[in-house]
Amino acid sequence: MPRTLITGGAGFLGSHLADALLDRGHEVIVMDNLITGALQNIEHLFGRKEFTFVHHDVTNFIHVSGPLHNILHFASPASPIDYLKLPIQTLKVGSLGTHKALGLAKEKNARFLLASTSECYGDPMVHPQPESYWGNVNPIGPRGVYDEAKRFAEAMTMAYHRFHNVDTRIVRIFNTYGPRMRAEDGRVVSTFLTEALQNKPITIFGDGRQTRSFCYVADEVEGIIRLLESNEVEPTNIGNPSEMTVAQLAELVKQITGSRSEIIFKELPVDDPKVRQPDISKARRILNWEPKIPVEQGLRLTMEYFKKILNFP
């Protein structure tokens, strides 16, 4: 039975990975300091003997007894509202946390997978974004705390691979959505669904022509696990190449919720990317992976989750 540690495993994406790996026969240890994660995301797993939860901040020394075969490093604030509120913690988990997790991987001779991000491409001047693009990031802007933390984490991961022969993987995750997102996390899907279900104004920052590419969480998790099980060391995009404008997303959310919300516009935040679309040629070629769940279907599944947590019938 493979033994797998997921840092940040009580978060949105980490908790879905815990489910999927347990279903694949792994013993799973989730480590989380619960700054942005939540126990309710994993409480359904507490009765399983193959599951363990450890409340710990990975910027401090990490100890795990016994063998480890895989470490998935997902610990980090991941939405703008979180990393702008927690800038120092975000930088620390990307640097110190990644260092501690890689040190554990070296000690245990475990495979290490880093959760990186499309934010490494910044406000891109190449579209769509292939893994070979080095990005257009403002290192001292407000978003730089997240972008540069992840870029540094990638550099450290590759250094451990080259210098210490650690078996590493790097996934660049594009906008992912689905059940277990927090209603107040500030991400566009959760914000629009929450506003629409309550018939409150749907707030678009900017003119709404900026684009995003939304991947449903089940598809994202499948791609990440295929990358973990592959032999690919260098960064790999896992996301949905189906691009849409933020205004189109707002209209689609209104349609599926039957909302009476009006759409209002506010000023675009500093360094907000104008376009975002993954080139997934590499994932298709080496992982035989591409997303299967259309955005409308994924939004309906996510809407049902938000109805439940917002106590809507």
C-alpha atoms as a PDB file:
ATOM      1  CA  MET A   1       0.000   0.000   0.000  1.00  0.00           C
ATOM      2  CA  PRO A   2       1.633   3.310  -1.055  1.00  0.00           C
ATOM      3  CA  ARG A   3       1.926   5.763   1.827  1.00  0.00           C
ATOM      4  CA  THR A   4       1.272   9.366   0.757  1.00  0.00           C
ATOM      5  CA  LEU A   5       1.553  12.684   2.581  1.00  0.00           C
ATOM      6  CA  ILE A   6      -0.515  15.640   1.344  1.00  0.00           C
ATOM      7  CA  THR A   7       0.486  18.999   2.801  1.00  0.00           C
ATOM      8  CA  GLY A   8      -2.442  21.403   2.676  1.00  0.00           C
ATOM      9  CA  GLY A   9      -4.677  18.351   2.402  1.00  0.00           C
ATOM     10  CA  ALA A  10      -7.602  19.968   4.254  1.00  0.00           C
ATOM     11  CA  GLY A  11      -7.924  22.571   1.503  1.00  0.00           C
ATOM     12  CA  PHE A  12     -10.223  22.497  -1.507  1.00  0.00           C
ATOM     13  CA  LEU A  13      -7.972  20.664  -3.947  1.00  0.00           C
ATOM     14  CA  GLY A  14      -5.918  18.748  -1.382  1.00  0.00           C
ATOM     15  CA  SER A  15      -9.006  17.164   0.155  1.00  0.00           C
ATOM     16  CA  HIS A  16     -10.210  15.903  -3.236  1.00  0.00           C
ATOM     17  CA  LEU A  17      -6.762  14.405  -3.818  1.00  0.00           C
ATOM     18  CA  ALA A  18      -7.002  12.654  -0.448  1.00  0.00           C
ATOM     19  CA  ASP A  19     -10.323  11.101  -1.513  1.00  0.00           C
ATOM     20  CA  ALA A  20      -8.965   9.980  -4.878  1.00  0.00           C
ATOM     21  CA  LEU A  21      -5.734   8.482  -3.518  1.00  0.00           C
ATOM     22  CA  LEU A  22      -7.548   6.608  -0.733  1.00  0.00           C
ATOM     23  CA  ASP A  23      -9.867   5.180  -3.398  1.00  0.00           C
ATOM     24  CA  ARG A  24      -6.771   4.068  -5.327  1.00  0.00           C
ATOM     25  CA  GLY A  25      -5.453   2.112  -2.360  1.00  0.00           C
ATOM     26  CA  HIS A  26      -3.071   4.622  -0.763  1.00  0.00           C
ATOM     27  CA  GLU A  27      -2.624   5.219   2.929  1.00  0.00           C
ATOM     28  CA  VAL A  28      -3.019   9.007   3.188  1.00  0.00           C
ATOM     29  CA  ILE A  29      -1.638  11.417   5.778  1.00  0.00           C
ATOM     30  CA  VAL A  30      -3.042  14.940   5.553  1.00  0.00           C
ATOM     31  CA  MET A  31      -0.990  17.716   7.136  1.00  0.00           C
ATOM     32  CA  ASP A  32      -2.545  21.177   7.440  1.00  0.00           C
ATOM     33  CA  ASN A  33      -2.367  24.183   9.769  1.00  0.00           C
ATOM     34  CA  LEU A  34      -5.988  25.077   8.864  1.00  0.00           C
ATOM     35  CA  ILE A  35      -5.239  28.725   8.030  1.00  0.00           C
ATOM     36  CA  THR A  36      -7.286  28.371   4.831  1.00  0.00           C
ATOM     37  CA  GLY A  37      -8.123  24.659   4.970  1.00  0.00           C
ATOM     38  CA  ALA A  38     -11.063  23.278   6.934  1.00  0.00           C
ATOM     39  CA  LEU A  39     -11.677  20.071   8.866  1.00  0.00           C
ATOM     40  CA  GLN A  40     -15.131  19.729   7.290  1.00  0.00           C
ATOM     41  CA  ASN A  41     -13.396  19.035   3.960  1.00  0.00           C
ATOM     42  CA  ILE A  42     -11.889  15.837   5.381  1.00  0.00           C
ATOM     43  CA  GLU A  43     -14.122  14.908   8.342  1.00  0.00           C
ATOM     44  CA  HIS A  44     -15.791  12.183   6.255  1.00  0.00           C
ATOM     45  CA  LEU A  45     -12.387  10.424   6.148  1.00  0.00           C
ATOM     46  CA  PHE A  46     -11.732  10.319   9.896  1.00  0.00           C
ATOM     47  CA  GLY A  47     -13.273   6.864  10.314  1.00  0.00           C
ATOM     48  CA  ARG A  48     -10.980   5.238   7.727  1.00  0.00           C
ATOM     49  CA  LYS A  49      -8.019   3.357   9.171  1.00  0.00           C
ATOM     50  CA  GLU A  50      -5.879   4.279   6.122  1.00  0.00           C
ATOM     51  CA  PHE A  51      -6.327   8.003   6.873  1.00  0.00           C
ATOM     52  CA  THR A  52      -4.467  10.224   9.358  1.00  0.00           C
ATOM     53  CA  PHE A  53      -4.728  13.955   9.989  1.00  0.00           C
ATOM     54  CA  VAL A  54      -1.810  15.928  11.439  1.00  0.00           C
ATOM     55  CA  HIS A  55      -2.353  19.559  12.515  1.00  0.00           C
ATOM     56  CA  HIS A  56       1.005  21.144  11.670  1.00  0.00           C
ATOM     57  CA  ASP A  57       2.554  24.178   9.968  1.00  0.00           C
ATOM     58  CA  VAL A  58       4.953  22.891   7.311  1.00  0.00           C
ATOM     59  CA  THR A  59       7.181  25.952   7.570  1.00  0.00           C
ATOM     60  CA  ASN A  60       8.437  24.211  10.736  1.00  0.00           C
ATOM     61  CA  PHE A  61      10.359  20.919  10.791  1.00  0.00           C
ATOM     62  CA  ILE A  62       8.217  18.057   9.450  1.00  0.00           C
ATOM     63  CA  HIS A  63       8.404  14.615  11.043  1.00  0.00           C
ATOM     64  CA  VAL A  64       6.458  11.604   9.786  1.00  0.00           C
ATOM     65  CA  SER A  65       7.133   8.181  11.298  1.00  0.00           C
ATOM     66  CA  GLY A  66       7.600   5.204   9.027  1.00  0.00           C
ATOM     67  CA  PRO A  67       8.029   5.007   5.269  1.00  0.00           C
ATOM     68  CA  LEU A  68       6.654   7.516   2.773  1.00  0.00           C
ATOM     69  CA  HIS A  69       6.333   6.843  -0.938  1.00  0.00           C
ATOM     70  CA  ASN A  70       4.829  10.155  -2.107  1.00  0.00           C
ATOM     71  CA  ILE A  71       4.684  13.747  -0.864  1.00  0.00           C
ATOM     72  CA  LEU A  72       2.199  16.107  -2.528  1.00  0.00           C
ATOM     73  CA  HIS A  73       3.016  19.652  -1.452  1.00  0.00           C
ATOM     74  CA  PHE A  74      -0.247  21.628  -1.667  1.00  0.00           C
ATOM     75  CA  ALA A  75       0.157  23.805   1.428  1.00  0.00           C
ATOM     76  CA  SER A  76      -0.372  27.466   0.529  1.00  0.00           C
ATOM     77  CA  PRO A  77      -3.040  30.132   0.467  1.00  0.00           C
ATOM     78  CA  ALA A  78      -4.233  29.933  -3.135  1.00  0.00           C
ATOM     79  CA  SER A  79      -6.840  32.603  -3.803  1.00  0.00           C
ATOM     80  CA  PRO A  80      -6.109  36.338  -4.084  1.00  0.00           C
ATOM     81  CA  ILE A  81      -8.210  37.234  -1.051  1.00  0.00           C
ATOM     82  CA  ASP A  82      -6.125  34.816   1.044  1.00  0.00           C
ATOM     83  CA  TYR A  83      -2.611  35.544  -0.154  1.00  0.00           C
ATOM     84  CA  LEU A  84      -3.199  39.305  -0.124  1.00  0.00           C
ATOM     85  CA  LYS A  85      -4.349  38.976   3.500  1.00  0.00           C
ATOM     86  CA  LEU A  86      -1.530  36.547   4.384  1.00  0.00           C
ATOM     87  CA  PRO A  87       1.438  37.754   2.306  1.00  0.00           C
ATOM     88  CA  ILE A  88       4.220  36.710   4.690  1.00  0.00           C
ATOM     89  CA  GLN A  89       2.712  33.283   5.371  1.00  0.00           C
ATOM     90  CA  THR A  90       2.329  32.742   1.614  1.00  0.00           C
ATOM     91  CA  LEU A  91       5.994  33.545   0.995  1.00  0.00           C
ATOM     92  CA  LYS A  92       7.073  31.380   3.938  1.00  0.00           C
ATOM     93  CA  VAL A  93       5.139  28.304   2.863  1.00  0.00           C
ATOM     94  CA  GLY A  94       6.449  28.648  -0.704  1.00  0.00           C
ATOM     95  CA  SER A  95      10.038  28.895   0.523  1.00  0.00           C
ATOM     96  CA  LEU A  96      10.481  27.371   4.001  1.00  0.00           C
ATOM     97  CA  GLY A  97       7.544  24.980   3.595  1.00  0.00           C
ATOM     98  CA  THR A  98       8.800  23.704   0.240  1.00  0.00           C
ATOM     99  CA  HIS A  99      12.311  23.323   1.713  1.00  0.00           C
ATOM    100  CA  LYS A 100      11.006  21.285   4.656  1.00  0.00           C
ATOM    101  CA  ALA A 101       8.812  19.091   2.422  1.00  0.00           C
ATOM    102  CA  LEU A 102      11.672  18.457  -0.021  1.00  0.00           C
ATOM    103  CA  GLY A 103      13.971  17.614   2.889  1.00  0.00           C
ATOM    104  CA  LEU A 104      11.456  15.018   4.045  1.00  0.00           C
ATOM    105  CA  ALA A 105      11.226  13.608   0.502  1.00  0.00           C
ATOM    106  CA  LYS A 106      15.019  13.286   0.429  1.00  0.00           C
ATOM    107  CA  GLU A 107      15.075  11.583   3.841  1.00  0.00           C
ATOM    108  CA  LYS A 108      12.299   9.127   2.945  1.00  0.00           C
ATOM    109  CA  ASN A 109      13.375   8.617  -0.687  1.00  0.00           C
ATOM    110  CA  ALA A 110       9.812   9.618  -1.600  1.00  0.00           C
ATOM    111  CA  ARG A 111       8.456  11.003  -4.863  1.00  0.00           C
ATOM    112  CA  PHE A 112       7.678  14.708  -4.480  1.00  0.00           C
ATOM    113  CA  LEU A 113       4.951  16.581  -6.386  1.00  0.00           C
ATOM    114  CA  LEU A 114       4.798  20.375  -6.148  1.00  0.00           C
ATOM    115  CA  ALA A 115       1.488  22.169  -6.636  1.00  0.00           C
ATOM    116  CA  SER A 116       2.540  25.145  -8.727  1.00  0.00           C
ATOM    117  CA  THR A 117       0.280  27.514 -10.613  1.00  0.00           C
ATOM    118  CA  SER A 118      -0.578  29.274 -13.836  1.00  0.00           C
ATOM    119  CA  GLU A 119       0.295  32.439 -11.894  1.00  0.00           C
ATOM    120  CA  CYS A 120       3.920  31.625 -12.766  1.00  0.00           C
ATOM    121  CA  TYR A 121       3.028  33.064 -16.196  1.00  0.00           C
ATOM    122  CA  GLY A 122       1.855  36.354 -14.631  1.00  0.00           C
ATOM    123  CA  ASP A 123       0.018  38.659 -17.046  1.00  0.00           C
ATOM    124  CA  PRO A 124       1.140  36.643 -20.065  1.00  0.00           C
ATOM    125  CA  MET A 125       2.439  38.010 -23.349  1.00  0.00           C
ATOM    126  CA  VAL A 126       2.246  34.530 -24.913  1.00  0.00           C
ATOM    127  CA  HIS A 127      -1.191  33.006 -25.458  1.00  0.00           C
ATOM    128  CA  PRO A 128      -2.095  30.239 -24.772  1.00  0.00           C
ATOM    129  CA  GLN A 129       0.626  29.526 -22.220  1.00  0.00           C
ATOM    130  CA  PRO A 130       2.986  26.574 -22.836  1.00  0.00           C
ATOM    131  CA  GLU A 131       5.309  25.262 -20.131  1.00  0.00           C
ATOM    132  CA  SER A 132       8.267  26.708 -22.037  1.00  0.00           C
ATOM    133  CA  TYR A 133       7.028  30.305 -21.467  1.00  0.00           C
ATOM    134  CA  TRP A 134       8.947  32.016 -18.637  1.00  0.00           C
ATOM    135  CA  GLY A 135       6.154  34.425 -17.791  1.00  0.00           C
ATOM    136  CA  ASN A 136       5.564  38.128 -17.228  1.00  0.00           C
ATOM    137  CA  VAL A 137       5.419  38.602 -13.451  1.00  0.00           C
ATOM    138  CA  ASN A 138       5.686  41.786 -11.397  1.00  0.00           C
ATOM    139  CA  PRO A 139       7.826  40.547  -8.488  1.00  0.00           C
ATOM    140  CA  ILE A 140       7.069  43.528  -6.223  1.00  0.00           C
ATOM    141  CA  GLY A 141       3.354  43.902  -6.963  1.00  0.00           C
ATOM    142  CA  PRO A 142       0.704  42.729  -4.459  1.00  0.00           C
ATOM    143  CA  ARG A 143       0.218  39.425  -6.334  1.00  0.00           C
ATOM    144  CA  GLY A 144       3.981  38.858  -6.379  1.00  0.00           C
ATOM    145  CA  VAL A 145       3.839  37.236  -2.943  1.00  0.00           C
ATOM    146  CA  TYR A 146       2.026  34.250  -4.475  1.00  0.00           C
ATOM    147  CA  ASP A 147       3.555  34.275  -7.961  1.00  0.00           C
ATOM    148  CA  GLU A 148       7.143  34.492  -6.724  1.00  0.00           C
ATOM    149  CA  ALA A 149       6.575  32.022  -3.880  1.00  0.00           C
ATOM    150  CA  LYS A 150       5.529  29.434  -6.448  1.00  0.00           C
ATOM    151  CA  ARG A 151       8.296  30.323  -8.897  1.00  0.00           C
ATOM    152  CA  PHE A 152      10.839  29.979  -6.072  1.00  0.00           C
ATOM    153  CA  ALA A 153       9.253  26.656  -5.062  1.00  0.00           C
ATOM    154  CA  GLU A 154       9.673  25.403  -8.640  1.00  0.00           C
ATOM    155  CA  ALA A 155      13.337  26.458  -8.641  1.00  0.00           C
ATOM    156  CA  MET A 156      13.976  24.714  -5.314  1.00  0.00           C
ATOM    157  CA  THR A 157      12.180  21.578  -6.483  1.00  0.00           C
ATOM    158  CA  MET A 158      14.368  21.368  -9.586  1.00  0.00           C
ATOM    159  CA  ALA A 159      17.488  22.044  -7.465  1.00  0.00           C
ATOM    160  CA  TYR A 160      16.632  19.122  -5.163  1.00  0.00           C
ATOM    161  CA  HIS A 161      16.054  16.968  -8.233  1.00  0.00           C
ATOM    162  CA  ARG A 162      19.370  17.902  -9.848  1.00  0.00           C
ATOM    163  CA  PHE A 163      21.574  18.132  -6.745  1.00  0.00           C
ATOM    164  CA  HIS A 164      20.026  15.527  -4.411  1.00  0.00           C
ATOM    165  CA  ASN A 165      18.428  13.234  -7.035  1.00  0.00           C
ATOM    166  CA  VAL A 166      14.979  13.625  -5.466  1.00  0.00           C
ATOM    167  CA  ASP A 167      12.265  12.192  -7.737  1.00  0.00           C
ATOM    168  CA  THR A 168      10.153  15.303  -8.425  1.00  0.00           C
ATOM    169  CA  ARG A 169       7.065  16.426 -10.340  1.00  0.00           C
ATOM    170  CA  ILE A 170       5.686  19.959 -10.862  1.00  0.00           C
ATOM    171  CA  VAL A 171       2.062  20.624 -11.798  1.00  0.00           C
ATOM    172  CA  ARG A 172       1.026  24.096 -12.947  1.00  0.00           C
ATOM    173  CA  ILE A 173      -2.614  24.294 -11.944  1.00  0.00           C
ATOM    174  CA  PHE A 174      -5.021  26.564 -13.834  1.00  0.00           C
ATOM    175  CA  ASN A 175      -8.315  27.904 -12.414  1.00  0.00           C
ATOM    176  CA  THR A 176      -9.968  24.930 -10.696  1.00  0.00           C
ATOM    177  CA  TYR A 177     -13.469  24.931  -9.221  1.00  0.00           C
ATOM    178  CA  GLY A 178     -15.939  22.545  -7.621  1.00  0.00           C
ATOM    179  CA  PRO A 179     -17.424  21.451  -4.287  1.00  0.00           C
ATOM    180  CA  ARG A 180     -15.505  22.422  -1.113  1.00  0.00           C
ATOM    181  CA  MET A 181     -14.538  25.849  -2.399  1.00  0.00           C
ATOM    182  CA  ARG A 182     -15.158  28.423   0.330  1.00  0.00           C
ATOM    183  CA  ALA A 183     -18.016  30.798  -0.399  1.00  0.00           C
ATOM    184  CA  GLU A 184     -15.867  33.743   0.744  1.00  0.00           C
ATOM    185  CA  ASP A 185     -12.577  32.712  -0.913  1.00  0.00           C
ATOM    186  CA  GLY A 186     -12.730  35.531  -3.475  1.00  0.00           C
ATOM    187  CA  ARG A 187     -12.351  33.262  -6.513  1.00  0.00           C
ATOM    188  CA  VAL A 188     -14.535  34.200  -9.425  1.00  0.00           C
ATOM    189  CA  VAL A 189     -16.617  30.990  -9.580  1.00  0.00           C
ATOM    190  CA  SER A 190     -17.420  30.869  -5.865  1.00  0.00           C
ATOM    191  CA  THR A 191     -18.061  34.614  -5.746  1.00  0.00           C
ATOM    192  CA  PHE A 192     -20.401  34.618  -8.757  1.00  0.00           C
ATOM    193  CA  LEU A 193     -22.340  31.557  -7.548  1.00  0.00           C
ATOM    194  CA  THR A 194     -22.725  32.957  -4.035  1.00  0.00           C
ATOM    195  CA  GLU A 195     -23.893  36.345  -5.324  1.00  0.00           C
ATOM    196  CA  ALA A 196     -26.248  34.814  -7.916  1.00  0.00           C
ATOM    197  CA  LEU A 197     -27.892  32.375  -5.503  1.00  0.00           C
ATOM    198  CA  GLN A 198     -28.647  35.272  -3.152  1.00  0.00           C
ATOM    199  CA  ASN A 199     -29.787  37.539  -6.032  1.00  0.00           C
ATOM    200  CA  LYS A 200     -27.104  40.034  -5.036  1.00  0.00           C
ATOM    201  CA  PRO A 201     -25.251  42.054  -7.702  1.00  0.00           C
ATOM    202  CA  ILE A 202     -22.634  39.977  -9.529  1.00  0.00           C
ATOM    203  CA  THR A 203     -19.417  41.971  -9.317  1.00  0.00           C
ATOM    204  CA  ILE A 204     -17.016  41.919 -12.267  1.00  0.00           C
ATOM    205  CA  PHE A 205     -13.631  43.558 -11.791  1.00  0.00           C
ATOM    206  CA  GLY A 206     -12.536  45.286 -14.993  1.00  0.00           C
ATOM    207  CA  ASP A 207     -14.616  45.313 -18.172  1.00  0.00           C
ATOM    208  CA  GLY A 208     -15.254  41.556 -18.113  1.00  0.00           C
ATOM    209  CA  ARG A 209     -13.295  40.900 -21.294  1.00  0.00           C
ATOM    210  CA  GLN A 210     -10.395  39.299 -19.445  1.00  0.00           C
ATOM    211  CA  THR A 211     -10.374  35.535 -19.966  1.00  0.00           C
ATOM    212  CA  ARG A 212     -10.007  32.486 -17.753  1.00  0.00           C
ATOM    213  CA  SER A 213     -10.060  28.734 -18.349  1.00  0.00           C
ATOM    214  CA  PHE A 214     -11.980  26.761 -15.724  1.00  0.00           C
ATOM    215  CA  CYS A 215     -11.237  23.114 -14.903  1.00  0.00           C
ATOM    216  CA  TYR A 216     -13.629  21.034 -12.786  1.00  0.00           C
ATOM    217  CA  VAL A 217     -11.934  19.544  -9.728  1.00  0.00           C
ATOM    218  CA  ALA A 218     -12.459  15.878 -10.709  1.00  0.00           C
ATOM    219  CA  ASP A 219     -10.665  16.469 -14.012  1.00  0.00           C
ATOM    220  CA  GLU A 220      -7.858  18.384 -12.276  1.00  0.00           C
ATOM    221  CA  VAL A 221      -7.327  15.621  -9.717  1.00  0.00           C
ATOM    222  CA  GLU A 222      -7.165  12.957 -12.432  1.00  0.00           C
ATOM    223  CA  GLY A 223      -4.514  14.954 -14.294  1.00  0.00           C
ATOM    224  CA  ILE A 224      -2.455  15.510 -11.137  1.00  0.00           C
ATOM    225  CA  ILE A 225      -2.476  11.814 -10.234  1.00  0.00           C
ATOM    226  CA  ARG A 226      -1.494  10.834 -13.764  1.00  0.00           C
ATOM    227  CA  LEU A 227       1.421  13.267 -13.520  1.00  0.00           C
ATOM    228  CA  LEU A 228       2.416  11.823 -10.129  1.00  0.00           C
ATOM    229  CA  GLU A 229       2.487   8.339 -11.665  1.00  0.00           C
ATOM    230  CA  SER A 230       4.375   9.457 -14.786  1.00  0.00           C
ATOM    231  CA  ASN A 231       8.114   9.957 -15.329  1.00  0.00           C
ATOM    232  CA  GLU A 232       7.854  13.662 -16.225  1.00  0.00           C
ATOM    233  CA  VAL A 233      10.111  15.840 -14.071  1.00  0.00           C
ATOM    234  CA  GLU A 234       9.660  19.297 -15.597  1.00  0.00           C
ATOM    235  CA  PRO A 235       6.536  21.483 -15.134  1.00  0.00           C
ATOM    236  CA  THR A 236       3.275  20.302 -16.717  1.00  0.00           C
ATOM    237  CA  ASN A 237       0.128  22.361 -17.253  1.00  0.00           C
ATOM    238  CA  ILE A 238      -3.061  20.740 -15.974  1.00  0.00           C
ATOM    239  CA  GLY A 239      -6.087  22.868 -16.831  1.00  0.00           C
ATOM    240  CA  ASN A 240      -8.984  23.301 -19.202  1.00  0.00           C
ATOM    241  CA  PRO A 241      -8.088  24.940 -22.540  1.00  0.00           C
ATOM    242  CA  SER A 242     -11.726  26.002 -23.029  1.00  0.00           C
ATOM    243  CA  GLU A 243     -11.311  29.770 -22.608  1.00  0.00           C
ATOM    244  CA  MET A 244     -14.121  32.186 -21.752  1.00  0.00           C
ATOM    245  CA  THR A 245     -14.431  35.805 -20.683  1.00  0.00           C
ATOM    246  CA  VAL A 246     -15.363  36.678 -17.124  1.00  0.00           C
ATOM    247  CA  ALA A 247     -18.504  38.377 -18.487  1.00  0.00           C
ATOM    248  CA  GLN A 248     -19.501  35.126 -20.233  1.00  0.00           C
ATOM    249  CA  LEU A 249     -19.007  33.256 -16.969  1.00  0.00           C
ATOM    250  CA  ALA A 250     -21.252  35.744 -15.156  1.00  0.00           C
ATOM    251  CA  GLU A 251     -24.024  35.270 -17.730  1.00  0.00           C
ATOM    252  CA  LEU A 252     -23.689  31.473 -17.536  1.00  0.00           C
ATOM    253  CA  VAL A 253     -23.918  31.557 -13.741  1.00  0.00           C
ATOM    254  CA  LYS A 254     -27.044  33.729 -13.953  1.00  0.00           C
ATOM    255  CA  GLN A 255     -28.559  31.267 -16.414  1.00  0.00           C
ATOM    256  CA  ILE A 256     -27.939  28.074 -14.425  1.00  0.00           C
ATOM    257  CA  THR A 257     -28.987  29.607 -11.082  1.00  0.00           C
ATOM    258  CA  GLY A 258     -32.031  31.403 -12.500  1.00  0.00           C
ATOM    259  CA  SER A 259     -30.768  34.483 -10.684  1.00  0.00           C
ATOM    260  CA  ARG A 260     -32.255  37.971 -10.826  1.00  0.00           C
ATOM    261  CA  SER A 261     -28.848  39.498 -10.053  1.00  0.00           C
ATOM    262  CA  GLU A 262     -27.691  42.525 -11.971  1.00  0.00           C
ATOM    263  CA  ILE A 263     -24.081  42.586 -13.179  1.00  0.00           C
ATOM    264  CA  ILE A 264     -21.972  45.485 -11.920  1.00  0.00           C
ATOM    265  CA  PHE A 265     -18.405  46.488 -12.753  1.00  0.00           C
ATOM    266  CA  LYS A 266     -15.576  47.658 -10.495  1.00  0.00           C
ATOM    267  CA  GLU A 267     -11.949  48.620 -11.078  1.00  0.00           C
ATOM    268  CA  LEU A 268      -9.551  45.839 -12.101  1.00  0.00           C
ATOM    269  CA  PRO A 269      -7.015  44.947  -9.354  1.00  0.00           C
ATOM    270  CA  VAL A 270      -3.298  45.597  -9.905  1.00  0.00           C
ATOM    271  CA  ASP A 271      -1.511  42.998 -12.113  1.00  0.00           C
ATOM    272  CA  ASP A 272      -4.705  41.026 -12.724  1.00  0.00           C
ATOM    273  CA  PRO A 273      -3.995  38.820 -15.785  1.00  0.00           C
ATOM    274  CA  LYS A 274      -5.841  39.832 -18.961  1.00  0.00           C
ATOM    275  CA  VAL A 275      -5.811  36.325 -20.422  1.00  0.00           C
ATOM    276  CA  ARG A 276      -5.349  32.820 -19.084  1.00  0.00           C
ATOM    277  CA  GLN A 277      -5.463  29.633 -21.153  1.00  0.00           C
ATOM    278  CA  PRO A 278      -3.296  26.536 -20.769  1.00  0.00           C
ATOM    279  CA  ASP A 279      -1.563  24.853 -23.649  1.00  0.00           C
ATOM    280  CA  ILE A 280      -2.089  21.215 -22.611  1.00  0.00           C
ATOM    281  CA  SER A 281      -0.327  19.607 -25.579  1.00  0.00           C
ATOM    282  CA  LYS A 282       2.217  18.099 -23.187  1.00  0.00           C
ATOM    283  CA  ALA A 283      -0.415  16.625 -20.836  1.00  0.00           C
ATOM    284  CA  ARG A 284      -2.260  15.146 -23.800  1.00  0.00           C
ATOM    285  CA  ARG A 285       0.938  13.633 -25.153  1.00  0.00           C
ATOM    286  CA  ILE A 286       2.619  12.249 -22.041  1.00  0.00           C
ATOM    287  CA  LEU A 287      -0.358  11.645 -19.710  1.00  0.00           C
ATOM    288  CA  ASN A 288      -3.114  10.927 -22.234  1.00  0.00           C
ATOM    289  CA  TRP A 289      -5.122  13.448 -20.218  1.00  0.00           C
ATOM    290  CA  GLU A 290      -7.555  16.199 -21.055  1.00  0.00           C
ATOM    291  CA  PRO A 291     -10.585  17.525 -19.157  1.00  0.00           C
ATOM    292  CA  LYS A 292     -13.910  15.819 -19.817  1.00  0.00           C
ATOM    293  CA  ILE A 293     -16.463  17.812 -17.798  1.00  0.00           C
ATOM    294  CA  PRO A 294     -17.933  20.842 -19.634  1.00  0.00           C
ATOM    295  CA  VAL A 295     -18.022  24.096 -17.691  1.00  0.00           C
ATOM    296  CA  GLU A 296     -21.834  24.231 -17.567  1.00  0.00           C
ATOM    297  CA  GLN A 297     -22.027  20.726 -16.075  1.00  0.00           C
ATOM    298  CA  GLY A 298     -19.282  21.504 -13.560  1.00  0.00           C
ATOM    299  CA  LEU A 299     -20.969  24.756 -12.549  1.00  0.00           C
ATOM    300  CA  ARG A 300     -24.260  22.946 -11.918  1.00  0.00           C
ATOM    301  CA  LEU A 301     -22.479  20.426  -9.661  1.00  0.00           C
ATOM    302  CA  THR A 302     -20.740  23.272  -7.830  1.00  0.00           C
ATOM    303  CA  MET A 303     -24.020  25.199  -7.532  1.00  0.00           C
ATOM    304  CA  GLU A 304     -25.615  22.255  -5.701  1.00  0.00           C
ATOM    305  CA  TYR A 305     -22.769  22.306  -3.181  1.00  0.00           C
ATOM    306  CA  PHE A 306     -23.154  26.063  -2.610  1.00  0.00           C
ATOM    307  CA  LYS A 307     -26.927  25.689  -2.198  1.00  0.00           C
ATOM    308  CA  LYS A 308     -26.214  23.222   0.609  1.00  0.00           C
ATOM    309  CA  ILE A 309     -23.617  25.316   2.460  1.00  0.00           C
ATOM    310  CA  LEU A 310     -25.713  28.500   2.037  1.00  0.00           C
ATOM    311  CA  ASN A 311     -28.853  26.628   3.221  1.00  0.00           C
ATOM    312  CA  PHE A 312     -30.793  27.113   0.005  1.00  0.00           C
ATOM    313  CA  PRO A 313     -33.554  24.610  -0.890  1.00  0.00           C
END
